Amino acid sequence: MEDNVFRGLTDKFGKTGMKIMRSLELEGNDRAILNGYLDLIEELSRRIAALNKQIKALVKEDEISSYLKSVPGFGDLLGLLLRYEIDDIERFASAKKLCSYVGIVPSTYSSGGKTWHGRITKEGNKWLRWAVIEAVHGAIITSPSLRRYYNSVKQRRGDKAATIALARKLLEIIYHVWKEKRPYYEKELAYTV
């Protein structure tokens, strides 16, 4: 297979890429094997599209999920994951308690009257922690004020600490958006950062 067949093609597994792969001249079992893989990719793509449609329908039906998806970095899937993993925001007296539940608070060690803060505890809900950390990357891209916050922490404390700090900030935003039952508005961040 020549490398230049796909030159300039952004998605090798999109419609054009699949068409090119189906038209390649291959010998013996290679054609059958490639067709099997291409059929599998098409079937999985159909299933993913059907699941995405179901997720969108669930988000449309659920008011809270719609609010959560307005937070930068959170789309339909991550918003729905938050909705079902947290279940009832009234369980948490504050945003700090929610952060603790998710497991993105620093561990503390104390001895002889001195206290040290270490890495995050990771004792909370691993799915929520994963979702919020994933959302950080999207929030950096889509929100100028969250990007500024991330960069200011990154300059002082490094990339990993900035990621965790922004994850905590996102959880604070989520807590207030959910508690107040309203969508997130970027201009309001000036008061919380």
N, C-alpha and C. Protein backbone atom coordinates (compact mmCIF):
# COMPACT_ATOMS: atom_id res chain seq x y z
N MET A 1 0.85 -1.17 0.00
CA MET A 1 0.00 0.00 0.00
C MET A 1 0.90 1.23 0.00
N GLU A 2 0.65 2.13 -0.92
CA GLU A 2 1.47 3.33 -1.03
C GLU A 2 1.05 4.36 0.01
N ASP A 3 2.05 5.03 0.60
CA ASP A 3 1.77 6.06 1.60
C ASP A 3 1.06 7.27 0.99
N ASN A 4 1.39 7.59 -0.27
CA ASN A 4 0.82 8.80 -0.87
C ASN A 4 -0.65 8.65 -1.25
N VAL A 5 -1.22 7.45 -1.15
CA VAL A 5 -2.64 7.25 -1.43
C VAL A 5 -3.48 8.08 -0.47
N PHE A 6 -3.02 8.21 0.78
CA PHE A 6 -3.78 8.91 1.81
C PHE A 6 -3.28 10.34 2.05
N ARG A 7 -2.30 10.79 1.27
CA ARG A 7 -1.75 12.13 1.47
C ARG A 7 -2.85 13.18 1.32
N GLY A 8 -2.92 14.09 2.27
CA GLY A 8 -3.91 15.17 2.22
C GLY A 8 -5.26 14.77 2.80
N LEU A 9 -5.41 13.52 3.17
CA LEU A 9 -6.68 13.04 3.72
C LEU A 9 -6.64 13.20 5.24
N THR A 10 -7.59 13.94 5.79
CA THR A 10 -7.57 14.20 7.23
C THR A 10 -8.10 13.02 8.04
N ASP A 11 -9.04 12.26 7.49
CA ASP A 11 -9.63 11.14 8.22
C ASP A 11 -9.56 9.88 7.36
N LYS A 12 -8.60 9.04 7.65
CA LYS A 12 -8.41 7.82 6.85
C LYS A 12 -9.58 6.86 7.00
N PHE A 13 -10.34 6.99 8.08
CA PHE A 13 -11.47 6.09 8.29
C PHE A 13 -12.80 6.79 8.07
N GLY A 14 -12.78 7.96 7.43
CA GLY A 14 -14.00 8.65 7.03
C GLY A 14 -14.51 8.02 5.73
N LYS A 15 -15.52 8.64 5.13
CA LYS A 15 -16.12 8.08 3.91
C LYS A 15 -15.09 7.92 2.79
N THR A 16 -14.31 8.97 2.55
CA THR A 16 -13.34 8.92 1.45
C THR A 16 -12.24 7.90 1.73
N GLY A 17 -11.73 7.88 2.94
CA GLY A 17 -10.68 6.93 3.31
C GLY A 17 -11.15 5.49 3.19
N MET A 18 -12.37 5.23 3.66
CA MET A 18 -12.92 3.87 3.57
C MET A 18 -13.09 3.46 2.10
N LYS A 19 -13.53 4.41 1.28
CA LYS A 19 -13.72 4.13 -0.14
C LYS A 19 -12.38 3.78 -0.80
N ILE A 20 -11.34 4.53 -0.44
CA ILE A 20 -10.01 4.25 -0.99
C ILE A 20 -9.54 2.87 -0.56
N MET A 21 -9.73 2.54 0.73
CA MET A 21 -9.27 1.23 1.22
C MET A 21 -10.03 0.09 0.56
N ARG A 22 -11.31 0.29 0.31
CA ARG A 22 -12.10 -0.77 -0.35
C ARG A 22 -11.68 -0.96 -1.80
N SER A 23 -11.13 0.10 -2.42
CA SER A 23 -10.76 0.00 -3.83
C SER A 23 -9.31 -0.45 -4.04
N LEU A 24 -8.55 -0.59 -2.96
CA LEU A 24 -7.16 -1.04 -3.10
C LEU A 24 -7.10 -2.46 -3.66
N GLU A 25 -6.14 -2.69 -4.53
CA GLU A 25 -5.96 -4.04 -5.08
C GLU A 25 -5.02 -4.82 -4.16
N LEU A 26 -5.56 -5.85 -3.54
CA LEU A 26 -4.78 -6.69 -2.63
C LEU A 26 -4.86 -8.14 -3.09
N GLU A 27 -3.87 -8.91 -2.71
CA GLU A 27 -3.82 -10.30 -3.14
C GLU A 27 -4.26 -11.25 -2.03
N GLY A 28 -4.83 -12.36 -2.43
CA GLY A 28 -5.15 -13.46 -1.53
C GLY A 28 -6.05 -13.07 -0.37
N ASN A 29 -5.64 -13.54 0.81
CA ASN A 29 -6.44 -13.31 2.01
C ASN A 29 -6.41 -11.87 2.49
N ASP A 30 -5.46 -11.08 2.01
CA ASP A 30 -5.36 -9.69 2.45
C ASP A 30 -6.65 -8.91 2.20
N ARG A 31 -7.28 -9.16 1.05
CA ARG A 31 -8.53 -8.46 0.72
C ARG A 31 -9.62 -8.84 1.71
N ALA A 32 -9.76 -10.13 2.01
CA ALA A 32 -10.79 -10.61 2.94
C ALA A 32 -10.55 -10.07 4.35
N ILE A 33 -9.29 -10.05 4.77
CA ILE A 33 -8.96 -9.54 6.11
C ILE A 33 -9.28 -8.05 6.19
N LEU A 34 -8.84 -7.28 5.19
CA LEU A 34 -9.11 -5.83 5.19
C LEU A 34 -10.60 -5.56 5.17
N ASN A 35 -11.34 -6.28 4.33
CA ASN A 35 -12.80 -6.08 4.27
C ASN A 35 -13.45 -6.40 5.61
N GLY A 36 -12.96 -7.44 6.28
CA GLY A 36 -13.49 -7.78 7.60
C GLY A 36 -13.29 -6.65 8.59
N TYR A 37 -12.09 -6.07 8.60
CA TYR A 37 -11.81 -4.95 9.50
C TYR A 37 -12.63 -3.71 9.13
N LEU A 38 -12.76 -3.43 7.85
CA LEU A 38 -13.54 -2.27 7.42
C LEU A 38 -15.02 -2.43 7.78
N ASP A 39 -15.55 -3.66 7.62
CA ASP A 39 -16.93 -3.92 8.02
C ASP A 39 -17.11 -3.72 9.52
N LEU A 40 -16.13 -4.18 10.29
CA LEU A 40 -16.18 -4.02 11.75
C LEU A 40 -16.16 -2.53 12.13
N ILE A 41 -15.31 -1.75 11.48
CA ILE A 41 -15.25 -0.30 11.75
C ILE A 41 -16.58 0.36 11.44
N GLU A 42 -17.19 -0.01 10.31
CA GLU A 42 -18.48 0.57 9.94
C GLU A 42 -19.57 0.20 10.93
N GLU A 43 -19.58 -1.06 11.38
CA GLU A 43 -20.58 -1.51 12.36
C GLU A 43 -20.40 -0.78 13.69
N LEU A 44 -19.17 -0.68 14.15
CA LEU A 44 -18.91 0.03 15.41
C LEU A 44 -19.27 1.52 15.29
N SER A 45 -19.01 2.11 14.14
CA SER A 45 -19.37 3.51 13.92
C SER A 45 -20.88 3.70 14.00
N ARG A 46 -21.64 2.75 13.43
CA ARG A 46 -23.11 2.81 13.51
C ARG A 46 -23.58 2.70 14.96
N ARG A 47 -22.98 1.78 15.71
CA ARG A 47 -23.36 1.60 17.12
C ARG A 47 -23.04 2.85 17.95
N ILE A 48 -21.87 3.43 17.70
CA ILE A 48 -21.48 4.65 18.42
C ILE A 48 -22.45 5.77 18.11
N ALA A 49 -22.83 5.90 16.84
CA ALA A 49 -23.79 6.94 16.46
C ALA A 49 -25.14 6.73 17.15
N ALA A 50 -25.58 5.47 17.24
CA ALA A 50 -26.85 5.17 17.92
C ALA A 50 -26.75 5.50 19.41
N LEU A 51 -25.63 5.16 20.05
CA LEU A 51 -25.45 5.48 21.47
C LEU A 51 -25.39 6.98 21.70
N ASN A 52 -24.71 7.70 20.81
CA ASN A 52 -24.67 9.16 20.93
C ASN A 52 -26.06 9.77 20.83
N LYS A 53 -26.88 9.19 19.97
CA LYS A 53 -28.26 9.66 19.83
C LYS A 53 -29.05 9.44 21.13
N GLN A 54 -28.85 8.26 21.74
CA GLN A 54 -29.51 7.96 23.02
C GLN A 54 -29.04 8.91 24.12
N ILE A 55 -27.74 9.18 24.16
CA ILE A 55 -27.19 10.10 25.17
C ILE A 55 -27.79 11.49 25.00
N LYS A 56 -27.85 11.97 23.76
CA LYS A 56 -28.44 13.29 23.49
C LYS A 56 -29.89 13.34 23.95
N ALA A 57 -30.64 12.26 23.71
CA ALA A 57 -32.04 12.21 24.13
C ALA A 57 -32.15 12.25 25.65
N LEU A 58 -31.29 11.53 26.35
CA LEU A 58 -31.30 11.55 27.82
C LEU A 58 -30.98 12.94 28.36
N VAL A 59 -30.01 13.61 27.75
CA VAL A 59 -29.63 14.95 28.19
C VAL A 59 -30.78 15.93 27.95
N LYS A 60 -31.46 15.76 26.82
CA LYS A 60 -32.59 16.64 26.49
C LYS A 60 -33.72 16.51 27.52
N GLU A 61 -33.95 15.29 27.98
CA GLU A 61 -35.02 15.03 28.96
C GLU A 61 -34.67 15.53 30.35
N ASP A 62 -33.39 15.61 30.67
CA ASP A 62 -32.95 15.91 32.03
C ASP A 62 -32.46 17.35 32.13
N GLU A 63 -33.14 18.15 32.92
CA GLU A 63 -32.82 19.57 33.07
C GLU A 63 -31.42 19.78 33.65
N ILE A 64 -31.06 19.02 34.66
CA ILE A 64 -29.76 19.17 35.32
C ILE A 64 -28.62 18.87 34.34
N SER A 65 -28.75 17.81 33.55
CA SER A 65 -27.71 17.47 32.57
C SER A 65 -27.51 18.59 31.56
N SER A 66 -28.60 19.26 31.20
CA SER A 66 -28.50 20.39 30.27
C SER A 66 -27.69 21.52 30.89
N TYR A 67 -27.89 21.77 32.18
CA TYR A 67 -27.11 22.81 32.87
C TYR A 67 -25.64 22.41 32.95
N LEU A 68 -25.39 21.16 33.28
CA LEU A 68 -24.01 20.69 33.44
C LEU A 68 -23.24 20.76 32.13
N LYS A 69 -23.92 20.52 31.04
CA LYS A 69 -23.24 20.55 29.74
C LYS A 69 -22.88 21.97 29.33
N SER A 70 -23.44 22.99 30.02
CA SER A 70 -23.08 24.37 29.71
C SER A 70 -21.73 24.77 30.32
N VAL A 71 -21.21 23.96 31.23
CA VAL A 71 -19.91 24.24 31.85
C VAL A 71 -18.81 23.89 30.84
N PRO A 72 -17.82 24.78 30.65
CA PRO A 72 -16.75 24.52 29.67
C PRO A 72 -16.07 23.17 29.93
N GLY A 73 -15.86 22.43 28.84
CA GLY A 73 -15.19 21.13 28.94
C GLY A 73 -16.15 19.96 29.07
N PHE A 74 -17.39 20.24 29.43
CA PHE A 74 -18.38 19.17 29.61
C PHE A 74 -19.35 19.17 28.43
N GLY A 75 -19.50 18.02 27.82
CA GLY A 75 -20.47 17.86 26.76
C GLY A 75 -21.59 16.96 27.24
N ASP A 76 -22.26 16.33 26.32
CA ASP A 76 -23.38 15.45 26.67
C ASP A 76 -22.93 14.29 27.55
N LEU A 77 -21.88 13.59 27.13
CA LEU A 77 -21.46 12.38 27.84
C LEU A 77 -20.94 12.69 29.25
N LEU A 78 -20.02 13.64 29.37
CA LEU A 78 -19.47 13.95 30.69
C LEU A 78 -20.52 14.58 31.60
N GLY A 79 -21.41 15.39 31.03
CA GLY A 79 -22.49 15.98 31.83
C GLY A 79 -23.42 14.91 32.37
N LEU A 80 -23.76 13.94 31.54
CA LEU A 80 -24.63 12.84 31.96
C LEU A 80 -23.93 11.96 33.00
N LEU A 81 -22.64 11.71 32.79
CA LEU A 81 -21.88 10.93 33.76
C LEU A 81 -21.89 11.61 35.13
N LEU A 82 -21.66 12.92 35.16
CA LEU A 82 -21.72 13.67 36.42
C LEU A 82 -23.09 13.55 37.05
N ARG A 83 -24.11 13.71 36.24
CA ARG A 83 -25.49 13.69 36.73
C ARG A 83 -25.80 12.39 37.46
N TYR A 84 -25.42 11.28 36.85
CA TYR A 84 -25.78 9.99 37.44
C TYR A 84 -24.81 9.52 38.52
N GLU A 85 -23.57 9.95 38.47
CA GLU A 85 -22.62 9.55 39.52
C GLU A 85 -22.81 10.38 40.79
N ILE A 86 -23.15 11.66 40.65
CA ILE A 86 -23.39 12.50 41.83
C ILE A 86 -24.80 12.27 42.36
N ASP A 87 -25.75 12.13 41.46
CA ASP A 87 -27.16 11.86 41.75
C ASP A 87 -27.88 13.03 42.39
N ASP A 88 -27.54 13.39 43.62
CA ASP A 88 -28.25 14.47 44.31
C ASP A 88 -27.23 15.43 44.91
N ILE A 89 -27.19 16.65 44.41
CA ILE A 89 -26.21 17.64 44.88
C ILE A 89 -26.47 18.05 46.32
N GLU A 90 -27.68 17.84 46.80
CA GLU A 90 -28.03 18.21 48.19
C GLU A 90 -27.27 17.37 49.21
N ARG A 91 -26.65 16.27 48.77
CA ARG A 91 -25.84 15.45 49.67
C ARG A 91 -24.59 16.19 50.14
N PHE A 92 -24.22 17.24 49.41
CA PHE A 92 -22.98 17.96 49.70
C PHE A 92 -23.29 19.35 50.24
N ALA A 93 -22.75 19.65 51.42
CA ALA A 93 -23.00 20.94 52.06
C ALA A 93 -22.26 22.07 51.37
N SER A 94 -21.17 21.74 50.68
CA SER A 94 -20.38 22.78 50.01
C SER A 94 -19.66 22.19 48.81
N ALA A 95 -19.08 23.09 48.01
CA ALA A 95 -18.29 22.64 46.86
C ALA A 95 -17.05 21.88 47.33
N LYS A 96 -16.51 22.25 48.48
CA LYS A 96 -15.34 21.54 49.02
C LYS A 96 -15.67 20.09 49.33
N LYS A 97 -16.87 19.86 49.84
CA LYS A 97 -17.30 18.48 50.14
C LYS A 97 -17.43 17.67 48.84
N LEU A 98 -17.92 18.32 47.79
CA LEU A 98 -18.02 17.66 46.49
C LEU A 98 -16.61 17.31 45.98
N CYS A 99 -15.67 18.25 46.10
CA CYS A 99 -14.29 17.99 45.68
C CYS A 99 -13.70 16.81 46.45
N SER A 100 -14.00 16.73 47.72
CA SER A 100 -13.51 15.63 48.55
C SER A 100 -14.12 14.30 48.09
N TYR A 101 -15.41 14.31 47.76
CA TYR A 101 -16.09 13.11 47.28
C TYR A 101 -15.46 12.61 45.98
N VAL A 102 -15.08 13.56 45.13
CA VAL A 102 -14.48 13.20 43.85
C VAL A 102 -13.02 12.76 44.05
N GLY A 103 -12.39 13.21 45.11
CA GLY A 103 -11.03 12.77 45.40
C GLY A 103 -9.95 13.66 44.83
N ILE A 104 -10.25 14.94 44.63
CA ILE A 104 -9.22 15.85 44.13
C ILE A 104 -8.88 16.91 45.17
N VAL A 105 -8.72 16.45 46.39
CA VAL A 105 -8.25 17.32 47.47
C VAL A 105 -6.89 16.79 47.91
N PRO A 106 -6.01 17.67 48.41
CA PRO A 106 -4.68 17.19 48.80
C PRO A 106 -4.74 16.30 50.03
N SER A 107 -3.87 15.31 50.05
CA SER A 107 -3.75 14.49 51.25
C SER A 107 -2.97 15.29 52.29
N THR A 108 -3.24 15.05 53.55
CA THR A 108 -2.55 15.78 54.61
C THR A 108 -1.85 14.80 55.54
N TYR A 109 -0.68 15.19 55.96
CA TYR A 109 0.10 14.41 56.91
C TYR A 109 0.47 15.34 58.06
N SER A 110 0.31 14.87 59.26
CA SER A 110 0.69 15.71 60.39
C SER A 110 1.45 14.90 61.42
N SER A 111 2.42 15.58 62.02
CA SER A 111 3.23 14.94 63.04
C SER A 111 3.88 16.04 63.88
N GLY A 112 3.77 15.91 65.17
CA GLY A 112 4.40 16.87 66.06
C GLY A 112 3.90 18.29 65.88
N GLY A 113 2.63 18.46 65.57
CA GLY A 113 2.06 19.79 65.42
C GLY A 113 2.28 20.41 64.05
N LYS A 114 2.99 19.73 63.16
CA LYS A 114 3.20 20.25 61.80
C LYS A 114 2.33 19.47 60.83
N THR A 115 1.84 20.18 59.81
CA THR A 115 0.97 19.55 58.81
C THR A 115 1.57 19.77 57.43
N TRP A 116 1.60 18.70 56.62
CA TRP A 116 2.06 18.78 55.25
C TRP A 116 0.91 18.37 54.33
N HIS A 117 0.87 19.02 53.19
CA HIS A 117 -0.12 18.66 52.17
C HIS A 117 0.62 17.97 51.03
N GLY A 118 0.08 16.84 50.61
CA GLY A 118 0.72 16.06 49.55
C GLY A 118 -0.12 15.99 48.29
N ARG A 119 0.03 14.90 47.58
CA ARG A 119 -0.70 14.68 46.33
C ARG A 119 -2.19 14.51 46.62
N ILE A 120 -3.00 14.46 45.55
CA ILE A 120 -4.43 14.26 45.75
C ILE A 120 -4.67 12.89 46.36
N THR A 121 -5.78 12.77 47.07
CA THR A 121 -6.05 11.55 47.83
C THR A 121 -6.41 10.36 46.95
N LYS A 122 -7.12 10.58 45.87
CA LYS A 122 -7.61 9.52 44.98
C LYS A 122 -8.51 8.54 45.71
N GLU A 123 -9.10 8.96 46.80
CA GLU A 123 -9.99 8.07 47.55
C GLU A 123 -11.44 8.18 47.10
N GLY A 124 -11.73 9.12 46.24
CA GLY A 124 -13.12 9.35 45.85
C GLY A 124 -13.56 8.51 44.67
N ASN A 125 -14.61 8.98 44.03
CA ASN A 125 -15.21 8.31 42.90
C ASN A 125 -14.30 8.43 41.67
N LYS A 126 -13.75 7.31 41.21
CA LYS A 126 -12.77 7.37 40.12
C LYS A 126 -13.39 7.81 38.80
N TRP A 127 -14.66 7.51 38.57
CA TRP A 127 -15.30 7.94 37.32
C TRP A 127 -15.50 9.44 37.28
N LEU A 128 -15.89 10.01 38.40
CA LEU A 128 -16.05 11.46 38.47
C LEU A 128 -14.70 12.15 38.33
N ARG A 129 -13.68 11.61 38.99
CA ARG A 129 -12.35 12.20 38.91
C ARG A 129 -11.87 12.17 37.45
N TRP A 130 -12.06 11.05 36.78
CA TRP A 130 -11.68 10.94 35.37
C TRP A 130 -12.43 11.96 34.52
N ALA A 131 -13.74 12.08 34.74
CA ALA A 131 -14.56 13.00 33.94
C ALA A 131 -14.12 14.44 34.12
N VAL A 132 -13.85 14.84 35.35
CA VAL A 132 -13.47 16.23 35.62
C VAL A 132 -12.08 16.52 35.05
N ILE A 133 -11.16 15.58 35.18
CA ILE A 133 -9.81 15.78 34.62
C ILE A 133 -9.89 15.86 33.09
N GLU A 134 -10.71 15.04 32.47
CA GLU A 134 -10.91 15.11 31.02
C GLU A 134 -11.48 16.47 30.62
N ALA A 135 -12.42 16.95 31.41
CA ALA A 135 -13.07 18.23 31.10
C ALA A 135 -12.09 19.40 31.20
N VAL A 136 -11.06 19.27 32.02
CA VAL A 136 -10.06 20.34 32.15
C VAL A 136 -9.46 20.67 30.79
N HIS A 137 -9.13 19.65 30.01
CA HIS A 137 -8.50 19.87 28.72
C HIS A 137 -9.42 20.64 27.77
N GLY A 138 -10.70 20.30 27.78
CA GLY A 138 -11.67 21.03 26.95
C GLY A 138 -11.89 22.44 27.46
N ALA A 139 -11.90 22.61 28.78
CA ALA A 139 -12.13 23.94 29.36
C ALA A 139 -11.00 24.89 29.02
N ILE A 140 -9.77 24.39 28.99
CA ILE A 140 -8.62 25.23 28.65
C ILE A 140 -8.77 25.77 27.23
N ILE A 141 -9.30 24.95 26.35
CA ILE A 141 -9.46 25.34 24.95
C ILE A 141 -10.62 26.30 24.76
N THR A 142 -11.75 26.05 25.43
CA THR A 142 -12.98 26.79 25.14
C THR A 142 -13.21 28.03 25.99
N SER A 143 -12.57 28.13 27.15
CA SER A 143 -12.85 29.24 28.05
C SER A 143 -11.61 30.10 28.28
N PRO A 144 -11.63 31.35 27.82
CA PRO A 144 -10.46 32.23 28.02
C PRO A 144 -10.13 32.47 29.50
N SER A 145 -11.14 32.66 30.33
CA SER A 145 -10.84 32.95 31.74
C SER A 145 -10.33 31.70 32.46
N LEU A 146 -10.85 30.53 32.13
CA LEU A 146 -10.33 29.30 32.73
C LEU A 146 -8.91 29.02 32.24
N ARG A 147 -8.64 29.36 30.98
CA ARG A 147 -7.29 29.21 30.44
C ARG A 147 -6.32 30.12 31.19
N ARG A 148 -6.72 31.37 31.46
CA ARG A 148 -5.86 32.29 32.22
C ARG A 148 -5.58 31.74 33.62
N TYR A 149 -6.63 31.24 34.25
CA TYR A 149 -6.48 30.66 35.59
C TYR A 149 -5.49 29.49 35.55
N TYR A 150 -5.67 28.59 34.60
CA TYR A 150 -4.80 27.43 34.43
C TYR A 150 -3.35 27.87 34.23
N ASN A 151 -3.14 28.83 33.32
CA ASN A 151 -1.78 29.28 33.02
C ASN A 151 -1.12 29.96 34.21
N SER A 152 -1.90 30.71 35.00
CA SER A 152 -1.30 31.37 36.16
C SER A 152 -0.85 30.34 37.21
N VAL A 153 -1.65 29.31 37.42
CA VAL A 153 -1.26 28.26 38.36
C VAL A 153 -0.09 27.45 37.79
N LYS A 154 -0.12 27.20 36.50
CA LYS A 154 0.94 26.42 35.84
C LYS A 154 2.30 27.10 35.98
N GLN A 155 2.34 28.42 35.85
CA GLN A 155 3.61 29.15 35.98
C GLN A 155 4.20 29.00 37.37
N ARG A 156 3.34 28.98 38.37
CA ARG A 156 3.81 28.90 39.75
C ARG A 156 4.09 27.48 40.21
N ARG A 157 3.21 26.54 39.82
CA ARG A 157 3.26 25.21 40.44
C ARG A 157 3.39 24.04 39.46
N GLY A 158 3.38 24.32 38.17
CA GLY A 158 3.55 23.25 37.20
C GLY A 158 2.24 22.76 36.60
N ASP A 159 2.38 21.92 35.58
CA ASP A 159 1.26 21.45 34.77
C ASP A 159 0.27 20.59 35.56
N LYS A 160 0.78 19.62 36.31
CA LYS A 160 -0.11 18.71 37.03
C LYS A 160 -0.91 19.43 38.11
N ALA A 161 -0.25 20.31 38.84
CA ALA A 161 -0.94 21.07 39.89
C ALA A 161 -1.99 21.99 39.27
N ALA A 162 -1.68 22.56 38.11
CA ALA A 162 -2.64 23.44 37.43
C ALA A 162 -3.86 22.64 36.96
N THR A 163 -3.64 21.43 36.49
CA THR A 163 -4.75 20.57 36.06
C THR A 163 -5.68 20.27 37.24
N ILE A 164 -5.11 19.93 38.38
CA ILE A 164 -5.92 19.62 39.57
C ILE A 164 -6.62 20.87 40.07
N ALA A 165 -5.93 22.01 40.06
CA ALA A 165 -6.54 23.27 40.52
C ALA A 165 -7.73 23.63 39.64
N LEU A 166 -7.58 23.48 38.32
CA LEU A 166 -8.69 23.79 37.42
C LEU A 166 -9.82 22.76 37.58
N ALA A 167 -9.48 21.51 37.86
CA ALA A 167 -10.51 20.50 38.10
C ALA A 167 -11.34 20.88 39.32
N ARG A 168 -10.67 21.35 40.37
CA ARG A 168 -11.40 21.81 41.56
C ARG A 168 -12.28 23.01 41.23
N LYS A 169 -11.75 23.93 40.42
CA LYS A 169 -12.52 25.11 40.02
C LYS A 169 -13.76 24.68 39.23
N LEU A 170 -13.60 23.71 38.33
CA LEU A 170 -14.73 23.21 37.56
C LEU A 170 -15.78 22.58 38.48
N LEU A 171 -15.33 21.85 39.49
CA LEU A 171 -16.28 21.25 40.43
C LEU A 171 -17.02 22.32 41.23
N GLU A 172 -16.34 23.41 41.57
CA GLU A 172 -17.03 24.52 42.25
C GLU A 172 -18.11 25.10 41.34
N ILE A 173 -17.77 25.28 40.07
CA ILE A 173 -18.73 25.81 39.10
C ILE A 173 -19.91 24.84 38.97
N ILE A 174 -19.61 23.55 38.84
CA ILE A 174 -20.66 22.54 38.71
C ILE A 174 -21.57 22.56 39.93
N TYR A 175 -20.99 22.65 41.10
CA TYR A 175 -21.77 22.69 42.34
C TYR A 175 -22.78 23.84 42.31
N HIS A 176 -22.32 25.03 41.94
CA HIS A 176 -23.21 26.19 41.95
C HIS A 176 -24.23 26.16 40.81
N VAL A 177 -23.80 25.70 39.64
CA VAL A 177 -24.73 25.58 38.51
C VAL A 177 -25.86 24.61 38.87
N TRP A 178 -25.51 23.48 39.45
CA TRP A 178 -26.50 22.46 39.81
C TRP A 178 -27.38 22.93 40.95
N LYS A 179 -26.76 23.50 41.98
CA LYS A 179 -27.50 23.93 43.17
C LYS A 179 -28.50 25.04 42.82
N GLU A 180 -28.06 25.97 41.94
CA GLU A 180 -28.91 27.11 41.57
C GLU A 180 -29.79 26.81 40.36
N LYS A 181 -29.63 25.63 39.77
CA LYS A 181 -30.42 25.18 38.62
C LYS A 181 -30.44 26.23 37.51
N ARG A 182 -29.26 26.54 37.02
CA ARG A 182 -29.12 27.52 35.94
C ARG A 182 -27.89 27.17 35.10
N PRO A 183 -27.86 27.60 33.85
CA PRO A 183 -26.67 27.34 33.03
C PRO A 183 -25.49 28.21 33.46
N TYR A 184 -24.32 27.83 33.05
CA TYR A 184 -23.09 28.56 33.36
C TYR A 184 -22.92 29.71 32.38
N TYR A 185 -22.51 30.86 32.90
CA TYR A 185 -22.20 32.02 32.06
C TYR A 185 -20.76 32.43 32.33
N GLU A 186 -20.00 32.60 31.28
CA GLU A 186 -18.57 32.90 31.39
C GLU A 186 -18.28 34.15 32.22
N LYS A 187 -19.06 35.20 32.07
CA LYS A 187 -18.75 36.46 32.77
C LYS A 187 -18.81 36.31 34.29
N GLU A 188 -19.55 35.33 34.79
CA GLU A 188 -19.67 35.14 36.23
C GLU A 188 -18.38 34.60 36.84
N LEU A 189 -17.50 34.05 36.02
CA LEU A 189 -16.27 33.45 36.53
C LEU A 189 -15.36 34.49 37.17
N ALA A 190 -15.46 35.74 36.74
CA ALA A 190 -14.60 36.79 37.29
C ALA A 190 -14.74 36.87 38.81
N TYR A 191 -15.90 36.51 39.34
CA TYR A 191 -16.12 36.59 40.78
C TYR A 191 -15.58 35.37 41.52
N THR A 192 -15.39 34.25 40.81
CA THR A 192 -14.98 33.03 41.49
C THR A 192 -13.51 32.70 41.32
N VAL A 193 -12.84 33.31 40.34
CA VAL A 193 -11.42 32.98 40.11
C VAL A 193 -10.55 33.81 41.02
